[in-house]
């Protein structure tokens, strides 16, 4: 079969692509992000593709469509989940592509509390209104060997020796990624049932903190101390996530997640089992079948540290620049004068360096420019070493180590560059 896979580079889309390719199917991936080498990939923003005619050429020769595209808070959810997807469904109907599988979200049809849930619900309605052999799949929190979004958050929280417990958090029913992929393959078979919507929920309801505890045990760490946060502290954490998203960082901790977690992520897996014969696996058993490696332990710890690394590192550069222009002005000027520069040139040098530090810090904090900021930080740090060595070589013998401390800063810079990618 030739299958169009929209959102083919995400957590679910990547797993589906791998399985379909292994089974000999031809996949055409559609996403905003680069795909794996040798993959047939079309770079396209679903939110901007709201004219059905623009999908016509993409659907040529396609036998089935899987829509796993998703947008989060801070992105164009209406465009991705409703307008762009509705244009795709209209094009499918016109082109005679009957089979369309849509990934929605569990609970969005029952209690749409957020724009995310509401647009997911409206996207379902747009598909169901078409004369197509549609299937709507509503997964709960999807877990598997890969990690992104909620599944990555579970690992990151599992690395903490003190686990913060958010108030007003309902139960979840984690579902294994392999079960989700098996379901897609079932509905791609000739004669598979259609025009049905199914919750993909694991067999066990559990508190989110208990799911974290399962992952912590899987990662071979002792049980964490559970700290129940007051409402104000939890709200502050979610708002901090909102700020991070405003700066372009994808984070599963935000005000949308707060509302969604209050509703929970539970459903009845029995209709899914009856329709497909798939028995969803228990999370503890699934984890036990694939022992955690050192890579998982590293990822969990670095995932938890990543916000601190970028936050502290960006603020370090900003504060350094502010201090140079304020209380540290005379100290900076004295170093430059000691190097033999005139008063006017010394002032320009200190101002230029301070402004450069501030710009670098702001770039590191803003996700789209963070890589440029990190590269600039690396270059300017090495430049400071060379200039400082040439002008004030005694700084190498200073007991406070202003020149020596640049090297740990450089190492943190390299760590930030190594973990910057989200996918």
Protein backbone atom coordinates (compact mmCIF):
# COMPACT_ATOMS: atom_id res chain seq x y z
CA UNK A 1 0.00 0.00 0.00
CA UNK A 2 0.99 3.61 -0.53
CA UNK A 3 0.13 5.51 2.65
CA UNK A 4 0.18 9.22 3.33
CA UNK A 5 1.34 9.76 6.90
CA UNK A 6 0.67 13.30 8.11
CA UNK A 7 2.71 14.14 11.20
CA UNK A 8 5.11 11.38 10.28
CA UNK A 9 8.06 12.63 12.34
CA UNK A 10 6.32 12.76 15.73
CA UNK A 11 6.40 10.11 18.44
CA UNK A 12 3.47 8.12 17.07
CA UNK A 13 4.08 8.96 13.41
CA UNK A 14 7.71 7.82 13.52
CA UNK A 15 6.76 4.48 15.07
CA UNK A 16 4.02 3.90 12.49
CA UNK A 17 6.39 4.78 9.66
CA UNK A 18 9.02 2.34 10.91
CA UNK A 19 6.53 -0.53 11.16
CA UNK A 20 4.84 0.14 7.82
CA UNK A 21 8.19 0.39 6.06
CA UNK A 22 9.35 -2.87 7.63
CA UNK A 23 6.16 -4.53 6.37
CA UNK A 24 6.85 -3.39 2.83
CA UNK A 25 4.43 -0.48 2.57
CA UNK A 26 5.38 2.77 0.84
CA UNK A 27 5.00 5.80 3.11
CA UNK A 28 4.82 9.44 2.12
CA UNK A 29 5.61 11.54 5.18
CA UNK A 30 4.16 15.03 5.61
CA UNK A 31 5.50 17.26 8.38
CA UNK A 32 7.20 20.55 9.14
CA UNK A 33 10.31 18.76 10.40
CA UNK A 34 12.99 16.81 8.49
CA UNK A 35 12.41 13.08 8.17
CA UNK A 36 14.78 10.13 8.36
CA UNK A 37 17.29 9.79 5.52
CA UNK A 38 15.88 8.15 2.38
CA UNK A 39 12.30 8.70 3.52
CA UNK A 40 9.82 10.07 1.00
CA UNK A 41 9.11 13.34 2.77
CA UNK A 42 7.08 16.43 1.95
CA UNK A 43 7.74 19.52 4.04
CA UNK A 44 4.37 21.14 4.63
CA UNK A 45 2.63 23.14 7.35
CA UNK A 46 -0.82 21.59 7.77
CA UNK A 47 -2.13 24.76 9.42
CA UNK A 48 -1.41 26.73 6.24
CA UNK A 49 -2.71 24.09 3.83
CA UNK A 50 -6.41 24.92 4.15
CA UNK A 51 -7.22 24.66 0.43
CA UNK A 52 -8.21 21.11 -0.57
CA UNK A 53 -6.69 21.59 -4.02
CA UNK A 54 -3.22 21.83 -2.45
CA UNK A 55 -3.58 18.27 -1.17
CA UNK A 56 -4.59 16.88 -4.57
CA UNK A 57 -1.09 16.25 -5.92
CA UNK A 58 0.09 14.85 -2.60
CA UNK A 59 -2.72 12.26 -2.64
CA UNK A 60 -1.83 10.92 -6.10
CA UNK A 61 -1.57 7.15 -5.91
CA UNK A 62 -2.31 7.07 -2.18
CA UNK A 63 -4.37 4.15 -0.82
CA UNK A 64 -4.89 5.36 2.75
CA UNK A 65 -4.22 8.39 4.96
CA UNK A 66 -3.09 8.48 8.57
CA UNK A 67 -3.39 11.87 10.25
CA UNK A 68 -1.14 11.96 13.31
CA UNK A 69 -0.50 15.71 13.11
CA UNK A 70 -0.84 17.59 16.35
CA UNK A 71 -0.34 21.09 17.71
CA UNK A 72 0.19 22.18 21.29
CA UNK A 73 -0.36 25.34 23.28
CA UNK A 74 1.33 28.26 21.58
CA UNK A 75 0.88 26.70 18.12
CA UNK A 76 -1.95 26.99 15.60
CA UNK A 77 -4.21 24.27 16.97
CA UNK A 78 -7.23 25.44 14.98
CA UNK A 79 -5.21 25.35 11.77
CA UNK A 80 -3.65 21.93 12.34
CA UNK A 81 -6.52 20.06 13.99
CA UNK A 82 -9.44 21.59 12.10
CA UNK A 83 -8.88 23.83 9.06
CA UNK A 84 -5.88 22.10 7.48
CA UNK A 85 -7.12 18.61 8.35
CA UNK A 86 -10.63 19.37 7.03
CA UNK A 87 -9.07 20.38 3.69
CA UNK A 88 -7.21 17.06 3.64
CA UNK A 89 -10.44 15.12 4.24
CA UNK A 90 -12.24 17.02 1.50
CA UNK A 91 -9.38 16.21 -0.87
CA UNK A 92 -9.53 12.53 0.13
CA UNK A 93 -13.25 12.42 -0.64
CA UNK A 94 -12.68 14.08 -4.02
CA UNK A 95 -9.72 11.83 -4.90
CA UNK A 96 -11.43 8.62 -3.83
CA UNK A 97 -9.03 7.85 -1.00
CA UNK A 98 -11.48 6.06 1.27
CA UNK A 99 -9.51 4.96 4.32
CA UNK A 100 -8.56 7.77 6.74
CA UNK A 101 -7.27 7.15 10.28
CA UNK A 102 -7.21 10.15 12.60
CA UNK A 103 -5.36 10.44 15.91
CA UNK A 104 -7.35 12.54 18.34
CA UNK A 105 -7.09 12.77 22.15
CA UNK A 106 -8.80 10.71 24.80
CA UNK A 107 -11.60 12.54 26.58
CA UNK A 108 -11.89 15.36 24.04
CA UNK A 109 -15.30 14.07 22.97
CA UNK A 110 -16.56 14.09 26.57
CA UNK A 111 -15.09 17.14 28.26
CA UNK A 112 -13.34 19.67 26.03
CA UNK A 113 -11.82 22.00 28.63
CA UNK A 114 -9.10 23.57 26.52
CA UNK A 115 -8.49 24.82 23.00
CA UNK A 116 -6.49 21.66 22.47
CA UNK A 117 -9.44 19.40 23.30
CA UNK A 118 -11.97 21.59 21.51
CA UNK A 119 -9.99 21.65 18.28
CA UNK A 120 -9.39 17.90 18.51
CA UNK A 121 -13.16 17.41 18.91
CA UNK A 122 -13.91 19.71 15.97
CA UNK A 123 -11.32 17.90 13.87
CA UNK A 124 -13.09 14.61 14.58
CA UNK A 125 -16.39 16.15 13.49
CA UNK A 126 -14.83 17.40 10.24
CA UNK A 127 -13.74 13.84 9.40
CA UNK A 128 -16.97 12.16 10.48
CA UNK A 129 -18.97 14.51 8.23
CA UNK A 130 -17.21 13.13 5.12
CA UNK A 131 -18.20 10.13 3.01
CA UNK A 132 -15.07 8.21 3.95
CA UNK A 133 -14.14 4.98 5.69
CA UNK A 134 -12.88 6.86 8.73
CA UNK A 135 -11.47 5.64 12.02
CA UNK A 136 -10.83 7.93 14.98
CA UNK A 137 -8.29 6.77 17.56
CA UNK A 138 -8.10 8.58 20.90
CA UNK A 139 -4.96 7.46 22.75
CA UNK A 140 -4.28 8.13 26.41
CA UNK A 141 -0.71 8.96 27.51
CA UNK A 142 1.41 6.99 25.04
CA UNK A 143 4.54 5.34 26.44
CA UNK A 144 7.22 3.27 24.78
CA UNK A 145 10.96 3.09 24.25
CA UNK A 146 11.02 6.46 22.44
CA UNK A 147 10.14 9.49 24.56
CA UNK A 148 8.60 12.83 23.73
CA UNK A 149 6.06 15.09 25.43
CA UNK A 150 4.19 13.33 28.22
CA UNK A 151 6.23 10.14 27.97
CA UNK A 152 9.44 12.17 28.31
CA UNK A 153 7.97 14.04 31.28
CA UNK A 154 7.33 10.73 33.05
CA UNK A 155 11.00 9.85 32.68
CA UNK A 156 12.22 13.29 33.71
CA UNK A 157 10.08 13.33 36.85
CA UNK A 158 11.21 9.78 37.62
CA UNK A 159 14.79 11.04 37.90
CA UNK A 160 13.93 13.39 40.77
CA UNK A 161 14.62 12.16 44.31
CA UNK A 162 11.74 14.38 45.46
CA UNK A 163 8.64 14.01 43.30
CA UNK A 164 6.35 17.07 43.26
CA UNK A 165 2.69 15.99 43.39
CA UNK A 166 0.38 18.41 41.62
CA UNK A 167 -3.04 18.98 43.22
CA UNK A 168 -6.30 18.24 41.34
CA UNK A 169 -4.68 15.69 39.03
CA UNK A 170 -6.97 12.91 37.81
CA UNK A 171 -6.05 9.35 36.86
CA UNK A 172 -4.45 8.24 33.59
CA UNK A 173 -4.40 4.94 31.69
CA UNK A 174 -1.04 4.81 29.88
CA UNK A 175 -1.11 2.93 26.59
CA UNK A 176 1.92 1.31 25.02
CA UNK A 177 3.18 2.67 21.70
CA UNK A 178 3.39 -0.81 20.18
CA UNK A 179 -0.32 -1.38 20.87
CA UNK A 180 -1.12 1.91 19.15
CA UNK A 181 0.90 0.91 16.07
CA UNK A 182 -0.69 -2.56 16.01
CA UNK A 183 -4.09 -0.87 15.96
CA UNK A 184 -3.17 1.23 12.95
CA UNK A 185 -1.98 -1.84 11.05
CA UNK A 186 -5.23 -3.62 11.87
CA UNK A 187 -7.35 -0.83 10.41
CA UNK A 188 -5.23 -0.69 7.26
CA UNK A 189 -6.13 -4.28 6.41
CA UNK A 190 -8.62 -4.88 3.58
CA UNK A 191 -12.10 -5.27 4.98
CA UNK A 192 -11.23 -3.74 8.36
CA UNK A 193 -14.19 -2.04 10.07
CA UNK A 194 -14.65 1.69 9.70
CA UNK A 195 -16.76 4.59 10.90
CA UNK A 196 -15.95 4.04 14.54
CA UNK A 197 -14.11 5.98 17.25
CA UNK A 198 -12.09 4.16 19.88
CA UNK A 199 -10.36 5.11 23.12
CA UNK A 200 -6.86 3.62 23.23
CA UNK A 201 -6.41 3.23 26.96
CA UNK A 202 -4.27 0.85 28.93
CA UNK A 203 -5.84 -1.75 31.22
CA UNK A 204 -4.93 -0.03 34.48
CA UNK A 205 -6.03 3.30 35.91
CA UNK A 206 -3.38 4.97 38.02
CA UNK A 207 -2.41 8.30 39.49
CA UNK A 208 0.12 10.22 37.43
CA UNK A 209 2.55 10.00 40.36
CA UNK A 210 2.18 6.19 40.39
CA UNK A 211 3.08 6.09 36.69
CA UNK A 212 6.17 8.14 37.52
CA UNK A 213 7.00 5.68 40.30
CA UNK A 214 6.81 2.78 37.82
CA UNK A 215 9.31 4.52 35.58
CA UNK A 216 11.58 5.30 38.54
CA UNK A 217 11.56 1.63 39.50
CA UNK A 218 12.25 0.69 35.85
CA UNK A 219 15.25 3.05 35.88
CA UNK A 220 16.51 1.21 38.97
CA UNK A 221 16.31 4.07 41.45
CA UNK A 222 14.97 3.97 44.97
CA UNK A 223 11.43 5.28 45.54
CA UNK A 224 11.26 9.06 45.63
CA UNK A 225 9.90 11.15 48.45
CA UNK A 226 6.51 12.54 47.40
CA UNK A 227 6.03 16.23 48.05
CA UNK A 228 2.45 17.47 47.72
CA UNK A 229 2.60 20.98 46.30
CA UNK A 230 0.15 23.68 47.36
CA UNK A 231 -2.08 25.04 44.60
CA UNK A 232 -0.11 28.28 44.27
CA UNK A 233 3.19 26.43 43.75
CA UNK A 234 1.67 24.11 41.16
CA UNK A 235 0.12 27.06 39.32
CA UNK A 236 3.49 28.81 39.32
CA UNK A 237 5.10 25.74 37.72
CA UNK A 238 2.46 25.62 34.99
CA UNK A 239 2.82 29.36 34.35
CA UNK A 240 6.58 28.95 34.08
CA UNK A 241 5.86 26.42 31.35
CA UNK A 242 3.67 29.01 29.61
CA UNK A 243 6.60 31.44 29.63
CA UNK A 244 8.89 28.76 28.20
CA UNK A 245 6.40 28.16 25.39
CA UNK A 246 6.23 31.88 24.68
CA UNK A 247 10.00 31.66 24.19
CA UNK A 248 9.52 28.84 21.69
CA UNK A 249 10.29 25.82 23.89
CA UNK A 250 8.03 22.77 23.65
CA UNK A 251 7.10 21.77 27.18
CA UNK A 252 4.46 19.36 28.49
CA UNK A 253 4.07 21.53 31.61
CA UNK A 254 1.76 24.48 30.88
CA UNK A 255 -1.72 25.79 31.65
CA UNK A 256 -3.28 23.56 28.97
CA UNK A 257 -1.67 20.52 30.57
CA UNK A 258 -3.00 21.69 33.93
CA UNK A 259 -6.58 21.68 32.65
CA UNK A 260 -6.12 18.39 30.80
CA UNK A 261 -4.62 16.68 33.86
CA UNK A 262 -7.56 17.80 35.96
CA UNK A 263 -9.80 15.89 33.54
CA UNK A 264 -7.46 12.93 33.38
CA UNK A 265 -6.73 10.57 30.50
CA UNK A 266 -8.93 7.54 31.01
CA UNK A 267 -11.31 5.54 28.88
CA UNK A 268 -12.84 2.13 28.33
CA UNK A 269 -10.46 -0.18 26.42
CA UNK A 270 -13.11 -2.87 25.93
CA UNK A 271 -14.57 -1.53 22.63
CA UNK A 272 -11.00 -1.32 21.29
CA UNK A 273 -10.32 -4.93 22.28
CA UNK A 274 -13.60 -6.14 20.81
CA UNK A 275 -13.07 -4.30 17.50
CA UNK A 276 -9.45 -5.37 16.95
CA UNK A 277 -8.70 -8.34 19.19
CA UNK A 278 -5.77 -6.36 20.63
CA UNK A 279 -5.30 -6.79 24.38
CA UNK A 280 -3.53 -3.66 25.66
CA UNK A 281 -0.50 -4.51 27.71
CA UNK A 282 0.01 -3.52 31.33
CA UNK A 283 2.56 -0.73 31.80
CA UNK A 284 4.56 -2.50 34.51
CA UNK A 285 4.78 -5.67 32.43
CA UNK A 286 5.74 -3.72 29.29
CA UNK A 287 8.53 -1.93 31.14
CA UNK A 288 9.78 -5.17 32.68
CA UNK A 289 10.08 -6.72 29.21
CA UNK A 290 12.57 -4.03 28.13
CA UNK A 291 15.07 -3.30 30.93
CA UNK A 292 16.27 0.30 31.11
CA UNK A 293 19.75 0.98 29.79
CA UNK A 294 22.21 3.70 30.72
CA UNK A 295 20.84 5.78 27.82
CA UNK A 296 17.42 5.92 29.48
CA UNK A 297 18.95 6.91 32.81
CA UNK A 298 21.00 9.67 31.18
CA UNK A 299 18.01 10.93 29.22
CA UNK A 300 15.79 11.06 32.31
CA UNK A 301 18.30 13.09 34.29
CA UNK A 302 19.16 15.44 31.43
CA UNK A 303 15.49 15.96 30.58
CA UNK A 304 14.86 17.15 34.14
CA UNK A 305 17.96 19.37 34.07
CA UNK A 306 17.41 20.85 30.60
CA UNK A 307 15.15 23.77 31.68
CA UNK A 308 17.64 24.68 34.41
CA UNK A 309 20.62 24.43 32.06
CA UNK A 310 19.14 26.80 29.50
CA UNK A 311 17.48 29.07 32.06
CA UNK A 312 20.54 29.49 34.26
CA UNK A 313 22.94 29.73 31.33
CA UNK A 314 20.88 32.36 29.51
CA UNK A 315 20.40 34.41 32.68
CA UNK A 316 24.12 34.09 33.46
CA UNK A 317 25.01 35.93 30.25
CA UNK A 318 22.30 38.55 30.71
CA UNK A 319 23.23 39.29 34.33
CA UNK A 320 26.93 39.41 33.42
CA UNK A 321 26.19 42.12 30.87
CA UNK A 322 24.00 44.08 33.27
CA UNK A 323 26.65 43.96 36.00
CA UNK A 324 29.30 45.16 33.53
CA UNK A 325 27.17 48.20 32.74
CA UNK A 326 26.29 48.83 36.39
CA UNK A 327 28.08 47.93 39.62
CA UNK A 328 30.97 46.22 37.85
CA UNK A 329 31.72 49.13 35.50
CA UNK A 330 34.84 50.34 37.28
CA UNK A 331 36.24 46.83 37.67
CA UNK A 332 35.84 46.18 33.96
CA UNK A 333 37.35 49.55 33.11
CA UNK A 334 40.33 48.88 35.36
CA UNK A 335 41.10 45.63 33.54
CA UNK A 336 40.98 47.33 30.14
CA UNK A 337 43.09 50.29 31.33
CA UNK A 338 45.63 47.83 32.76
CA UNK A 339 45.91 46.38 29.27
CA UNK A 340 47.06 49.75 27.99
CA UNK A 341 43.91 50.97 26.23
CA UNK A 342 42.87 54.60 26.35
CA UNK A 343 39.91 55.81 28.40
CA UNK A 344 37.53 56.25 25.49
CA UNK A 345 38.40 52.96 23.82
CA UNK A 346 38.23 51.20 27.18
CA UNK A 347 34.67 52.44 27.71
CA UNK A 348 33.61 51.34 24.24
CA UNK A 349 35.16 47.92 24.82
CA UNK A 350 33.33 47.39 28.12
CA UNK A 351 30.00 48.58 26.67
CA UNK A 352 30.35 46.40 23.57
CA UNK A 353 31.22 43.35 25.64
CA UNK A 354 28.33 43.92 28.03
CA UNK A 355 25.79 44.39 25.24
CA UNK A 356 27.13 41.29 23.49
CA UNK A 357 26.65 39.29 26.71
CA UNK A 358 23.04 40.47 27.05
CA UNK A 359 22.19 39.67 23.42
CA UNK A 360 23.76 36.21 23.75
CA UNK A 361 21.75 35.51 26.91
CA UNK A 362 18.49 36.57 25.27
CA UNK A 363 19.27 34.40 22.22
CA UNK A 364 19.93 31.36 24.41
CA UNK A 365 16.57 31.78 26.15
CA UNK A 366 14.65 32.18 22.87
CA UNK A 367 14.36 28.73 21.30
CA UNK A 368 14.51 29.77 17.59
CA UNK A 369 17.79 31.63 18.19
CA UNK A 370 19.23 29.41 20.93
CA UNK A 371 21.69 27.55 18.71
CA UNK A 372 23.09 30.84 17.40
CA UNK A 373 23.30 32.14 20.97
CA UNK A 374 25.19 29.07 22.13
CA UNK A 375 27.61 29.28 19.23
CA UNK A 376 28.18 32.97 19.92
CA UNK A 377 28.70 32.23 23.61
CA UNK A 378 31.33 29.64 22.70
CA UNK A 379 33.16 32.04 20.40
CA UNK A 380 33.04 35.03 22.73
CA UNK A 381 34.21 32.94 25.71
CA UNK A 382 37.27 31.85 23.77
CA UNK A 383 37.74 35.45 22.64
CA UNK A 384 37.66 36.63 26.27
CA UNK A 385 40.36 34.06 27.09
CA UNK A 386 42.64 35.30 24.31
CA UNK A 387 42.07 39.02 24.99
CA UNK A 388 42.39 38.56 28.75
CA UNK A 389 45.61 36.60 28.31
CA UNK A 390 47.07 39.29 26.04
CA UNK A 391 46.01 42.33 28.09
CA UNK A 392 45.95 41.12 31.71
CA UNK A 393 47.89 37.82 31.95
CA UNK A 394 48.00 38.02 35.77
CA UNK A 395 44.32 36.96 35.81
CA UNK A 396 45.50 33.38 35.30
CA UNK A 397 47.10 33.55 38.77
CA UNK A 398 44.13 35.28 40.43
CA UNK A 399 42.99 33.09 43.40
CA UNK A 400 39.34 33.63 42.39
CA UNK A 401 40.15 32.11 39.00
CA UNK A 402 38.30 34.43 36.56
CA UNK A 403 40.19 32.89 33.62
CA UNK A 404 40.02 29.32 34.87
CA UNK A 405 36.26 29.51 35.44
CA UNK A 406 35.68 30.15 31.75
CA UNK A 407 36.43 26.47 31.02
CA UNK A 408 33.53 25.04 33.10
CA UNK A 409 31.33 27.62 31.37
CA UNK A 410 32.53 26.30 28.01
CA UNK A 411 31.72 22.73 29.07
CA UNK A 412 28.18 23.75 30.09
CA UNK A 413 27.89 25.48 26.72
CA UNK A 414 28.74 22.22 24.95
CA UNK A 415 26.25 20.27 27.08
CA UNK A 416 23.50 22.74 26.19
CA UNK A 417 24.31 22.38 22.50
CA UNK A 418 24.20 18.59 22.81
CA UNK A 419 20.72 18.44 24.42
CA UNK A 420 19.08 21.36 22.62
CA UNK A 421 17.13 19.24 20.13
CA UNK A 422 13.55 18.32 21.08
CA UNK A 423 13.18 15.38 18.70
